Amino acid sequence: MSQFGLAPFDLRCPEIADRETRTILVREGGTVPPGEYCLLEYYCQDPQCDCRRVLLQIRERSRPDAVLASISFGWESPAYYARRMHNPELAEEMSGASLDPTLPQSEFAVALFEMICEMSLRDGDYIRRLMRHYTTFRRHGGRDSQTPNASLAAAIEWLQSEITRFGKEHLDEELTGFALELLKRIPRDSEVNLTRGARALWAAAVVHVIARNNFLFDSSQPVHLTFDTICDFFAVKKASVGEKATRIEKALHLKPHAEEGITRPDFFEKFSMVRLSNGIVISRQQAKARGLL
């Protein structure tokens, strides 16, 4: 692959990804913990590159932010890569499947790798699906880039409307305001391109960030909900929502439970830190109690 880097298949082709992303249901009793594992596809963005490879990031549906294995897979023969790279040793590495040593791996990566090789990467139908996705991804290369302001404005207007609609059903006025404020803060020049991919995923991701930041997944909170509530409302998959929520958090460098304007005031006071003149770091809550703020 090239210096252009990789991009998620679901950003360029969200409808296809939603239908055709493979998941594997694992039950108890094996070397891999029970759960529903999603094989998220990433492809090279370089229009001049024809590497015919995919990166599969393995995530479990209940923990969408955690990459459990990163598998590189090239479906062509070593001879194909040797003709392009003039390096027989590297060509052997590029053909077939391997755990990518430069990308995140968990303690279960080897077991997941063996399972996925057995159940998916020896499945001719699945390999042909990856090949088709690769071709579609390349064909859509220029269609999903951010178009000038009209497209972005339309996306933001739609997101505001859907987030407000969700808020009326599942949040209170303050939390809905937080979600709309977060949407405003997303930098337009970051990897969070609101004109790319399914808008419903971005709406769900914004709500998910607010939910995490305000402990809404804790049923003891006055307003609480579940991840399923968000995903069912927007008709999206957990793994994709979690991945986009993490992108938003990274783009904004969010501090957990300590971002003014998108966090309940009591949480902000408790989790926001201040450094005293003597170098000691305490919470704003503690500083106020001591009369220091």
C-alpha atoms as a PDB file:
ATOM      1  CA  MET A   1       0.000   0.000   0.000  1.00  0.00           C
ATOM      2  CA  SER A   2       1.174   3.570  -0.329  1.00  0.00           C
ATOM      3  CA  GLN A   3       1.920   6.791   1.493  1.00  0.00           C
ATOM      4  CA  PHE A   4      -1.669   7.854   0.814  1.00  0.00           C
ATOM      5  CA  GLY A   5      -2.713   5.589   3.667  1.00  0.00           C
ATOM      6  CA  LEU A   6      -5.832   3.547   4.232  1.00  0.00           C
ATOM      7  CA  ALA A   7      -9.469   4.513   4.528  1.00  0.00           C
ATOM      8  CA  PRO A   8     -12.455   2.572   5.879  1.00  0.00           C
ATOM      9  CA  PHE A   9     -14.650   0.949   3.255  1.00  0.00           C
ATOM     10  CA  ASP A  10     -17.757   2.160   5.068  1.00  0.00           C
ATOM     11  CA  LEU A  11     -16.791   5.804   4.506  1.00  0.00           C
ATOM     12  CA  ARG A  12     -16.860   5.539   0.736  1.00  0.00           C
ATOM     13  CA  CYS A  13     -19.505   2.859   0.376  1.00  0.00           C
ATOM     14  CA  PRO A  14     -21.641   2.964   3.540  1.00  0.00           C
ATOM     15  CA  GLU A  15     -24.690   1.209   2.108  1.00  0.00           C
ATOM     16  CA  ILE A  16     -22.665  -1.722   0.789  1.00  0.00           C
ATOM     17  CA  ALA A  17     -20.634  -1.927   3.999  1.00  0.00           C
ATOM     18  CA  ASP A  18     -23.784  -1.978   6.088  1.00  0.00           C
ATOM     19  CA  ARG A  19     -25.110  -4.944   4.102  1.00  0.00           C
ATOM     20  CA  GLU A  20     -21.930  -6.878   3.481  1.00  0.00           C
ATOM     21  CA  THR A  21     -19.479  -6.388   6.354  1.00  0.00           C
ATOM     22  CA  ARG A  22     -18.832  -9.879   7.674  1.00  0.00           C
ATOM     23  CA  THR A  23     -19.495 -10.712  11.298  1.00  0.00           C
ATOM     24  CA  ILE A  24     -18.644 -13.933  13.117  1.00  0.00           C
ATOM     25  CA  LEU A  25     -20.598 -15.087  16.145  1.00  0.00           C
ATOM     26  CA  VAL A  26     -18.411 -16.958  18.650  1.00  0.00           C
ATOM     27  CA  ARG A  27     -19.925 -19.003  21.449  1.00  0.00           C
ATOM     28  CA  GLU A  28     -18.337 -20.049  24.727  1.00  0.00           C
ATOM     29  CA  GLY A  29     -15.836 -22.853  24.944  1.00  0.00           C
ATOM     30  CA  GLY A  30     -13.103 -21.842  22.504  1.00  0.00           C
ATOM     31  CA  THR A  31      -9.843 -19.905  22.540  1.00  0.00           C
ATOM     32  CA  VAL A  32     -11.650 -16.737  21.420  1.00  0.00           C
ATOM     33  CA  PRO A  33     -13.998 -15.117  23.983  1.00  0.00           C
ATOM     34  CA  PRO A  34     -17.700 -15.308  23.099  1.00  0.00           C
ATOM     35  CA  GLY A  35     -19.071 -12.362  21.168  1.00  0.00           C
ATOM     36  CA  GLU A  36     -19.953 -10.992  17.750  1.00  0.00           C
ATOM     37  CA  TYR A  37     -16.812 -10.034  15.839  1.00  0.00           C
ATOM     38  CA  CYS A  38     -16.901  -7.552  12.957  1.00  0.00           C
ATOM     39  CA  LEU A  39     -14.326  -7.659  10.141  1.00  0.00           C
ATOM     40  CA  LEU A  40     -13.984  -3.972   9.220  1.00  0.00           C
ATOM     41  CA  GLU A  41     -12.295  -3.360   5.870  1.00  0.00           C
ATOM     42  CA  TYR A  42      -9.700  -0.705   5.027  1.00  0.00           C
ATOM     43  CA  TYR A  43      -8.279  -0.106   1.544  1.00  0.00           C
ATOM     44  CA  CYS A  44      -5.465   1.943   0.023  1.00  0.00           C
ATOM     45  CA  GLN A  45      -6.487   5.456  -1.068  1.00  0.00           C
ATOM     46  CA  ASP A  46      -3.740   5.964  -3.667  1.00  0.00           C
ATOM     47  CA  PRO A  47      -5.445   6.036  -7.094  1.00  0.00           C
ATOM     48  CA  GLN A  48      -2.158   4.980  -8.741  1.00  0.00           C
ATOM     49  CA  CYS A  49      -1.701   1.954  -6.495  1.00  0.00           C
ATOM     50  CA  ASP A  50      -3.147  -1.431  -7.388  1.00  0.00           C
ATOM     51  CA  CYS A  51      -1.933  -3.415  -4.374  1.00  0.00           C
ATOM     52  CA  ARG A  52      -5.000  -5.690  -4.251  1.00  0.00           C
ATOM     53  CA  ARG A  53      -4.875  -5.975  -0.493  1.00  0.00           C
ATOM     54  CA  VAL A  54      -7.154  -5.256   2.430  1.00  0.00           C
ATOM     55  CA  LEU A  55      -6.582  -4.498   6.091  1.00  0.00           C
ATOM     56  CA  LEU A  56      -9.149  -6.193   8.321  1.00  0.00           C
ATOM     57  CA  GLN A  57      -9.571  -4.677  11.756  1.00  0.00           C
ATOM     58  CA  ILE A  58     -11.372  -7.043  14.098  1.00  0.00           C
ATOM     59  CA  ARG A  59     -13.680  -5.471  16.674  1.00  0.00           C
ATOM     60  CA  GLU A  60     -16.214  -7.056  19.006  1.00  0.00           C
ATOM     61  CA  ARG A  61     -19.684  -5.510  18.820  1.00  0.00           C
ATOM     62  CA  SER A  62     -19.966  -4.789  22.556  1.00  0.00           C
ATOM     63  CA  ARG A  63     -16.519  -3.075  22.562  1.00  0.00           C
ATOM     64  CA  PRO A  64     -16.449  -1.204  19.237  1.00  0.00           C
ATOM     65  CA  ASP A  65     -13.535   1.050  20.192  1.00  0.00           C
ATOM     66  CA  ALA A  66     -11.095  -1.807  20.823  1.00  0.00           C
ATOM     67  CA  VAL A  67      -9.104  -3.200  17.892  1.00  0.00           C
ATOM     68  CA  LEU A  68      -8.564  -6.847  18.774  1.00  0.00           C
ATOM     69  CA  ALA A  69      -6.596  -7.862  15.680  1.00  0.00           C
ATOM     70  CA  SER A  70      -5.215  -6.173  12.560  1.00  0.00           C
ATOM     71  CA  ILE A  71      -4.922  -8.587   9.642  1.00  0.00           C
ATOM     72  CA  SER A  72      -3.364  -7.737   6.279  1.00  0.00           C
ATOM     73  CA  PHE A  73      -4.533  -9.869   3.382  1.00  0.00           C
ATOM     74  CA  GLY A  74      -3.407  -9.932  -0.240  1.00  0.00           C
ATOM     75  CA  TRP A  75      -5.445 -12.174  -2.509  1.00  0.00           C
ATOM     76  CA  GLU A  76      -3.046 -12.248  -5.452  1.00  0.00           C
ATOM     77  CA  SER A  77      -0.148 -14.685  -5.848  1.00  0.00           C
ATOM     78  CA  PRO A  78       3.435 -13.844  -4.818  1.00  0.00           C
ATOM     79  CA  ALA A  79       4.260 -13.627  -8.525  1.00  0.00           C
ATOM     80  CA  TYR A  80       1.843 -10.712  -8.948  1.00  0.00           C
ATOM     81  CA  TYR A  81       3.473  -8.732  -6.128  1.00  0.00           C
ATOM     82  CA  ALA A  82       6.958  -9.663  -7.273  1.00  0.00           C
ATOM     83  CA  ARG A  83       6.267  -8.163 -10.711  1.00  0.00           C
ATOM     84  CA  ARG A  84       5.184  -4.909  -9.082  1.00  0.00           C
ATOM     85  CA  MET A  85       7.769  -4.685  -6.307  1.00  0.00           C
ATOM     86  CA  HIS A  86      10.826  -6.484  -7.693  1.00  0.00           C
ATOM     87  CA  ASN A  87      11.413  -7.873  -4.213  1.00  0.00           C
ATOM     88  CA  PRO A  88      10.665 -11.608  -3.885  1.00  0.00           C
ATOM     89  CA  GLU A  89      10.825 -11.636  -0.081  1.00  0.00           C
ATOM     90  CA  LEU A  90       8.405  -8.743   0.283  1.00  0.00           C
ATOM     91  CA  ALA A  91       6.166 -10.270  -2.376  1.00  0.00           C
ATOM     92  CA  GLU A  92       5.822 -13.417  -0.277  1.00  0.00           C
ATOM     93  CA  GLU A  93       4.798 -11.303   2.722  1.00  0.00           C
ATOM     94  CA  MET A  94       2.214  -9.347   0.733  1.00  0.00           C
ATOM     95  CA  SER A  95       0.489 -12.444  -0.594  1.00  0.00           C
ATOM     96  CA  GLY A  96      -1.877 -14.172   1.808  1.00  0.00           C
ATOM     97  CA  ALA A  97      -2.771 -13.218   5.375  1.00  0.00           C
ATOM     98  CA  SER A  98      -0.666 -12.019   8.301  1.00  0.00           C
ATOM     99  CA  LEU A  99      -0.995 -10.108  11.542  1.00  0.00           C
ATOM    100  CA  ASP A 100       0.360  -6.615  10.852  1.00  0.00           C
ATOM    101  CA  PRO A 101       3.136  -5.962  13.415  1.00  0.00           C
ATOM    102  CA  THR A 102       2.820  -2.178  12.997  1.00  0.00           C
ATOM    103  CA  LEU A 103      -0.860  -2.023  13.988  1.00  0.00           C
ATOM    104  CA  PRO A 104      -2.858  -2.730  17.171  1.00  0.00           C
ATOM    105  CA  GLN A 105      -3.120  -6.354  18.315  1.00  0.00           C
ATOM    106  CA  SER A 106      -4.703  -7.759  21.457  1.00  0.00           C
ATOM    107  CA  GLU A 107      -3.896 -10.816  23.538  1.00  0.00           C
ATOM    108  CA  PHE A 108      -6.463 -12.680  21.425  1.00  0.00           C
ATOM    109  CA  ALA A 109      -4.995 -11.589  18.080  1.00  0.00           C
ATOM    110  CA  VAL A 110      -3.385 -14.929  17.235  1.00  0.00           C
ATOM    111  CA  ALA A 111      -6.517 -16.903  18.093  1.00  0.00           C
ATOM    112  CA  LEU A 112      -8.658 -14.468  16.103  1.00  0.00           C
ATOM    113  CA  PHE A 113      -6.241 -14.633  13.187  1.00  0.00           C
ATOM    114  CA  GLU A 114      -6.422 -18.421  13.088  1.00  0.00           C
ATOM    115  CA  MET A 115     -10.208 -18.377  13.347  1.00  0.00           C
ATOM    116  CA  ILE A 116     -10.639 -15.789  10.588  1.00  0.00           C
ATOM    117  CA  CYS A 117      -8.197 -17.526   8.268  1.00  0.00           C
ATOM    118  CA  GLU A 118     -10.125 -20.750   8.733  1.00  0.00           C
ATOM    119  CA  MET A 119     -13.639 -19.313   8.513  1.00  0.00           C
ATOM    120  CA  SER A 120     -13.236 -16.407   6.093  1.00  0.00           C
ATOM    121  CA  LEU A 121      -9.908 -16.101   4.283  1.00  0.00           C
ATOM    122  CA  ARG A 122     -10.234 -19.617   2.863  1.00  0.00           C
ATOM    123  CA  ASP A 123     -13.797 -18.896   1.799  1.00  0.00           C
ATOM    124  CA  GLY A 124     -13.826 -18.214  -1.939  1.00  0.00           C
ATOM    125  CA  ASP A 125     -17.102 -16.299  -1.767  1.00  0.00           C
ATOM    126  CA  TYR A 126     -15.769 -13.979   0.912  1.00  0.00           C
ATOM    127  CA  ILE A 127     -12.510 -13.389  -0.951  1.00  0.00           C
ATOM    128  CA  ARG A 128     -14.480 -12.500  -4.078  1.00  0.00           C
ATOM    129  CA  ARG A 129     -16.534 -10.095  -1.953  1.00  0.00           C
ATOM    130  CA  LEU A 130     -13.321  -8.394  -0.791  1.00  0.00           C
ATOM    131  CA  MET A 131     -12.125  -8.146  -4.374  1.00  0.00           C
ATOM    132  CA  ARG A 132     -15.435  -6.582  -5.384  1.00  0.00           C
ATOM    133  CA  HIS A 133     -15.264  -4.146  -2.469  1.00  0.00           C
ATOM    134  CA  TYR A 134     -11.713  -3.212  -3.458  1.00  0.00           C
ATOM    135  CA  THR A 135     -12.818  -2.435  -7.022  1.00  0.00           C
ATOM    136  CA  THR A 136     -15.846  -0.456  -5.803  1.00  0.00           C
ATOM    137  CA  PHE A 137     -13.714   1.481  -3.313  1.00  0.00           C
ATOM    138  CA  ARG A 138     -11.294   2.491  -6.073  1.00  0.00           C
ATOM    139  CA  ARG A 139     -14.119   3.436  -8.420  1.00  0.00           C
ATOM    140  CA  HIS A 140     -15.649   5.684  -5.761  1.00  0.00           C
ATOM    141  CA  GLY A 141     -12.317   7.332  -5.018  1.00  0.00           C
ATOM    142  CA  GLY A 142     -13.297  10.814  -6.124  1.00  0.00           C
ATOM    143  CA  ARG A 143     -16.938  10.816  -5.223  1.00  0.00           C
ATOM    144  CA  ASP A 144     -16.798  11.109  -1.499  1.00  0.00           C
ATOM    145  CA  SER A 145     -14.315  13.917  -1.079  1.00  0.00           C
ATOM    146  CA  GLN A 146     -15.696  16.901   0.734  1.00  0.00           C
ATOM    147  CA  THR A 147     -17.512  19.116  -1.723  1.00  0.00           C
ATOM    148  CA  PRO A 148     -17.735  22.845  -1.123  1.00  0.00           C
ATOM    149  CA  ASN A 149     -19.912  24.359   1.472  1.00  0.00           C
ATOM    150  CA  ALA A 150     -23.338  23.428   0.073  1.00  0.00           C
ATOM    151  CA  SER A 151     -22.756  19.716   0.685  1.00  0.00           C
ATOM    152  CA  LEU A 152     -21.365  20.325   4.173  1.00  0.00           C
ATOM    153  CA  ALA A 153     -24.195  22.676   5.056  1.00  0.00           C
ATOM    154  CA  ALA A 154     -26.751  20.114   3.938  1.00  0.00           C
ATOM    155  CA  ALA A 155     -25.067  17.413   6.019  1.00  0.00           C
ATOM    156  CA  ILE A 156     -24.961  19.600   9.133  1.00  0.00           C
ATOM    157  CA  GLU A 157     -28.596  20.615   8.710  1.00  0.00           C
ATOM    158  CA  TRP A 158     -29.632  16.963   8.462  1.00  0.00           C
ATOM    159  CA  LEU A 159     -27.497  15.981  11.456  1.00  0.00           C
ATOM    160  CA  GLN A 160     -28.911  18.796  13.580  1.00  0.00           C
ATOM    161  CA  SER A 161     -32.447  17.709  12.722  1.00  0.00           C
ATOM    162  CA  GLU A 162     -31.854  14.021  13.496  1.00  0.00           C
ATOM    163  CA  ILE A 163     -29.923  14.688  16.710  1.00  0.00           C
ATOM    164  CA  THR A 164     -32.735  16.979  17.868  1.00  0.00           C
ATOM    165  CA  ARG A 165     -35.286  14.290  17.022  1.00  0.00           C
ATOM    166  CA  PHE A 166     -33.310  11.733  19.035  1.00  0.00           C
ATOM    167  CA  GLY A 167     -33.000  14.190  21.904  1.00  0.00           C
ATOM    168  CA  LYS A 168     -36.750  14.719  22.096  1.00  0.00           C
ATOM    169  CA  GLU A 169     -37.264  10.976  22.536  1.00  0.00           C
ATOM    170  CA  HIS A 170     -34.292   9.960  24.695  1.00  0.00           C
ATOM    171  CA  LEU A 171     -32.462  12.973  26.187  1.00  0.00           C
ATOM    172  CA  ASP A 172     -33.287  16.125  28.097  1.00  0.00           C
ATOM    173  CA  GLU A 173     -32.882  19.655  26.765  1.00  0.00           C
ATOM    174  CA  GLU A 174     -29.412  20.108  28.260  1.00  0.00           C
ATOM    175  CA  LEU A 175     -28.013  16.887  26.785  1.00  0.00           C
ATOM    176  CA  THR A 176     -29.541  17.620  23.393  1.00  0.00           C
ATOM    177  CA  GLY A 177     -27.844  21.002  23.514  1.00  0.00           C
ATOM    178  CA  PHE A 178     -24.550  19.308  24.314  1.00  0.00           C
ATOM    179  CA  ALA A 179     -24.882  17.089  21.240  1.00  0.00           C
ATOM    180  CA  LEU A 180     -25.629  20.056  18.982  1.00  0.00           C
ATOM    181  CA  GLU A 181     -22.711  21.975  20.510  1.00  0.00           C
ATOM    182  CA  LEU A 182     -20.377  19.028  19.888  1.00  0.00           C
ATOM    183  CA  LEU A 183     -21.484  18.960  16.257  1.00  0.00           C
ATOM    184  CA  LYS A 184     -20.535  22.649  15.934  1.00  0.00           C
ATOM    185  CA  ARG A 185     -17.076  22.020  17.396  1.00  0.00           C
ATOM    186  CA  ILE A 186     -16.026  19.320  14.936  1.00  0.00           C
ATOM    187  CA  PRO A 187     -13.168  20.829  12.882  1.00  0.00           C
ATOM    188  CA  ARG A 188     -13.940  20.886   9.169  1.00  0.00           C
ATOM    189  CA  ASP A 189     -10.349  20.117   8.195  1.00  0.00           C
ATOM    190  CA  SER A 190     -10.027  16.933  10.279  1.00  0.00           C
ATOM    191  CA  GLU A 191     -10.519  13.258   9.459  1.00  0.00           C
ATOM    192  CA  VAL A 192     -14.094  13.721  10.677  1.00  0.00           C
ATOM    193  CA  ASN A 193     -15.552  14.596   7.281  1.00  0.00           C
ATOM    194  CA  LEU A 194     -19.291  14.866   7.786  1.00  0.00           C
ATOM    195  CA  THR A 195     -19.957  14.747   4.049  1.00  0.00           C
ATOM    196  CA  ARG A 196     -18.405  11.292   3.744  1.00  0.00           C
ATOM    197  CA  GLY A 197     -20.142   8.114   4.760  1.00  0.00           C
ATOM    198  CA  ALA A 198     -23.634   7.554   6.059  1.00  0.00           C
ATOM    199  CA  ARG A 199     -24.970  10.602   7.867  1.00  0.00           C
ATOM    200  CA  ALA A 200     -26.847   8.393  10.327  1.00  0.00           C
ATOM    201  CA  LEU A 201     -23.501   7.007  11.516  1.00  0.00           C
ATOM    202  CA  TRP A 202     -22.193  10.498  12.260  1.00  0.00           C
ATOM    203  CA  ALA A 203     -25.400  11.424  14.091  1.00  0.00           C
ATOM    204  CA  ALA A 204     -25.167   8.267  16.196  1.00  0.00           C
ATOM    205  CA  ALA A 205     -21.461   8.904  16.842  1.00  0.00           C
ATOM    206  CA  VAL A 206     -22.126  12.447  18.118  1.00  0.00           C
ATOM    207  CA  VAL A 207     -24.794  11.144  20.495  1.00  0.00           C
ATOM    208  CA  HIS A 208     -22.481   8.331  21.576  1.00  0.00           C
ATOM    209  CA  VAL A 209     -19.709  10.785  22.497  1.00  0.00           C
ATOM    210  CA  ILE A 210     -22.154  12.804  24.610  1.00  0.00           C
ATOM    211  CA  ALA A 211     -23.451   9.613  26.231  1.00  0.00           C
ATOM    212  CA  ARG A 212     -19.952   8.483  27.192  1.00  0.00           C
ATOM    213  CA  ASN A 213     -18.965  11.932  28.390  1.00  0.00           C
ATOM    214  CA  ASN A 214     -21.999  12.181  30.665  1.00  0.00           C
ATOM    215  CA  PHE A 215     -22.238   8.588  31.966  1.00  0.00           C
ATOM    216  CA  LEU A 216     -25.535   8.002  30.165  1.00  0.00           C
ATOM    217  CA  PHE A 217     -24.798   4.278  29.904  1.00  0.00           C
ATOM    218  CA  ASP A 218     -25.013   4.156  33.720  1.00  0.00           C
ATOM    219  CA  SER A 219     -28.591   3.203  34.595  1.00  0.00           C
ATOM    220  CA  SER A 220     -28.327   5.057  37.908  1.00  0.00           C
ATOM    221  CA  GLN A 221     -28.255   8.403  36.076  1.00  0.00           C
ATOM    222  CA  PRO A 222     -31.559  10.344  35.886  1.00  0.00           C
ATOM    223  CA  VAL A 223     -31.327  10.251  32.087  1.00  0.00           C
ATOM    224  CA  HIS A 224     -29.785   7.047  30.819  1.00  0.00           C
ATOM    225  CA  LEU A 225     -29.842   4.884  27.726  1.00  0.00           C
ATOM    226  CA  THR A 226     -28.094   1.949  26.102  1.00  0.00           C
ATOM    227  CA  PHE A 227     -25.825   1.685  23.101  1.00  0.00           C
ATOM    228  CA  ASP A 228     -28.583  -0.362  21.454  1.00  0.00           C
ATOM    229  CA  THR A 229     -30.997   2.566  21.909  1.00  0.00           C
ATOM    230  CA  ILE A 230     -28.692   4.799  19.863  1.00  0.00           C
ATOM    231  CA  CYS A 231     -27.971   2.241  17.154  1.00  0.00           C
ATOM    232  CA  ASP A 232     -31.579   1.125  16.806  1.00  0.00           C
ATOM    233  CA  PHE A 233     -32.817   4.708  16.507  1.00  0.00           C
ATOM    234  CA  PHE A 234     -30.380   5.559  13.703  1.00  0.00           C
ATOM    235  CA  ALA A 235     -30.404   2.013  12.222  1.00  0.00           C
ATOM    236  CA  VAL A 236     -26.613   1.645  12.314  1.00  0.00           C
ATOM    237  CA  LYS A 237     -24.054  -0.889  13.544  1.00  0.00           C
ATOM    238  CA  LYS A 238     -22.279  -0.556  16.884  1.00  0.00           C
ATOM    239  CA  ALA A 239     -18.792  -1.189  15.523  1.00  0.00           C
ATOM    240  CA  SER A 240     -19.044   1.634  12.971  1.00  0.00           C
ATOM    241  CA  VAL A 241     -20.560   4.053  15.494  1.00  0.00           C
ATOM    242  CA  GLY A 242     -17.847   3.377  18.070  1.00  0.00           C
ATOM    243  CA  GLU A 243     -15.100   3.884  15.512  1.00  0.00           C
ATOM    244  CA  LYS A 244     -16.515   7.244  14.386  1.00  0.00           C
ATOM    245  CA  ALA A 245     -17.126   8.383  17.958  1.00  0.00           C
ATOM    246  CA  THR A 246     -13.455   7.735  18.711  1.00  0.00           C
ATOM    247  CA  ARG A 247     -12.478   9.775  15.638  1.00  0.00           C
ATOM    248  CA  ILE A 248     -14.514  12.706  16.916  1.00  0.00           C
ATOM    249  CA  GLU A 249     -12.945  12.466  20.373  1.00  0.00           C
ATOM    250  CA  LYS A 250      -9.443  12.379  18.883  1.00  0.00           C
ATOM    251  CA  ALA A 251     -10.108  15.238  16.456  1.00  0.00           C
ATOM    252  CA  LEU A 252     -11.301  17.436  19.336  1.00  0.00           C
ATOM    253  CA  HIS A 253      -8.769  16.103  21.882  1.00  0.00           C
ATOM    254  CA  LEU A 254     -11.635  15.624  24.321  1.00  0.00           C
ATOM    255  CA  LYS A 255     -10.901  15.154  27.998  1.00  0.00           C
ATOM    256  CA  PRO A 256     -13.255  12.523  29.460  1.00  0.00           C
ATOM    257  CA  HIS A 257     -16.080  14.089  31.502  1.00  0.00           C
ATOM    258  CA  ALA A 258     -14.196  17.393  31.635  1.00  0.00           C
ATOM    259  CA  GLU A 259     -15.238  19.389  28.563  1.00  0.00           C
ATOM    260  CA  GLU A 260     -17.150  22.528  29.392  1.00  0.00           C
ATOM    261  CA  GLY A 261     -20.215  23.030  27.249  1.00  0.00           C
ATOM    262  CA  ILE A 262     -20.778  19.354  26.491  1.00  0.00           C
ATOM    263  CA  THR A 263     -20.596  17.919  30.019  1.00  0.00           C
ATOM    264  CA  ARG A 264     -23.019  18.138  32.948  1.00  0.00           C
ATOM    265  CA  PRO A 265     -21.680  20.893  35.281  1.00  0.00           C
ATOM    266  CA  ASP A 266     -21.301  18.551  38.266  1.00  0.00           C
ATOM    267  CA  PHE A 267     -19.193  16.126  36.226  1.00  0.00           C
ATOM    268  CA  PHE A 268     -17.159  18.995  34.781  1.00  0.00           C
ATOM    269  CA  GLU A 269     -16.366  20.306  38.262  1.00  0.00           C
ATOM    270  CA  LYS A 270     -15.448  16.848  39.534  1.00  0.00           C
ATOM    271  CA  PHE A 271     -13.272  15.689  36.629  1.00  0.00           C
ATOM    272  CA  SER A 272     -11.740  18.955  35.388  1.00  0.00           C
ATOM    273  CA  MET A 273      -8.322  19.498  36.949  1.00  0.00           C
ATOM    274  CA  VAL A 274      -6.492  22.674  37.957  1.00  0.00           C
ATOM    275  CA  ARG A 275      -2.850  23.078  38.903  1.00  0.00           C
ATOM    276  CA  LEU A 276      -2.132  25.089  42.037  1.00  0.00           C
ATOM    277  CA  SER A 277       0.819  27.469  42.412  1.00  0.00           C
ATOM    278  CA  ASN A 278       2.700  24.787  44.383  1.00  0.00           C
ATOM    279  CA  GLY A 279       2.328  22.333  41.485  1.00  0.00           C
ATOM    280  CA  ILE A 280      -0.345  20.130  43.062  1.00  0.00           C
ATOM    281  CA  VAL A 281      -3.177  19.124  40.735  1.00  0.00           C
ATOM    282  CA  ILE A 282      -6.705  18.920  42.166  1.00  0.00           C
ATOM    283  CA  SER A 283     -10.216  18.981  40.760  1.00  0.00           C
ATOM    284  CA  ARG A 284     -12.105  22.231  40.219  1.00  0.00           C
ATOM    285  CA  GLN A 285     -14.584  20.949  42.804  1.00  0.00           C
ATOM    286  CA  GLN A 286     -11.843  20.631  45.423  1.00  0.00           C
ATOM    287  CA  ALA A 287     -10.353  23.983  44.492  1.00  0.00           C
ATOM    288  CA  LYS A 288     -13.699  25.715  44.904  1.00  0.00           C
ATOM    289  CA  ALA A 289     -14.289  23.998  48.250  1.00  0.00           C
ATOM    290  CA  ARG A 290     -10.977  25.462  49.449  1.00  0.00           C
ATOM    291  CA  GLY A 291     -11.861  28.905  48.154  1.00  0.00           C
ATOM    292  CA  LEU A 292      -9.136  28.805  45.520  1.00  0.00           C
ATOM    293  CA  LEU A 293     -11.442  29.473  42.567  1.00  0.00           C
END
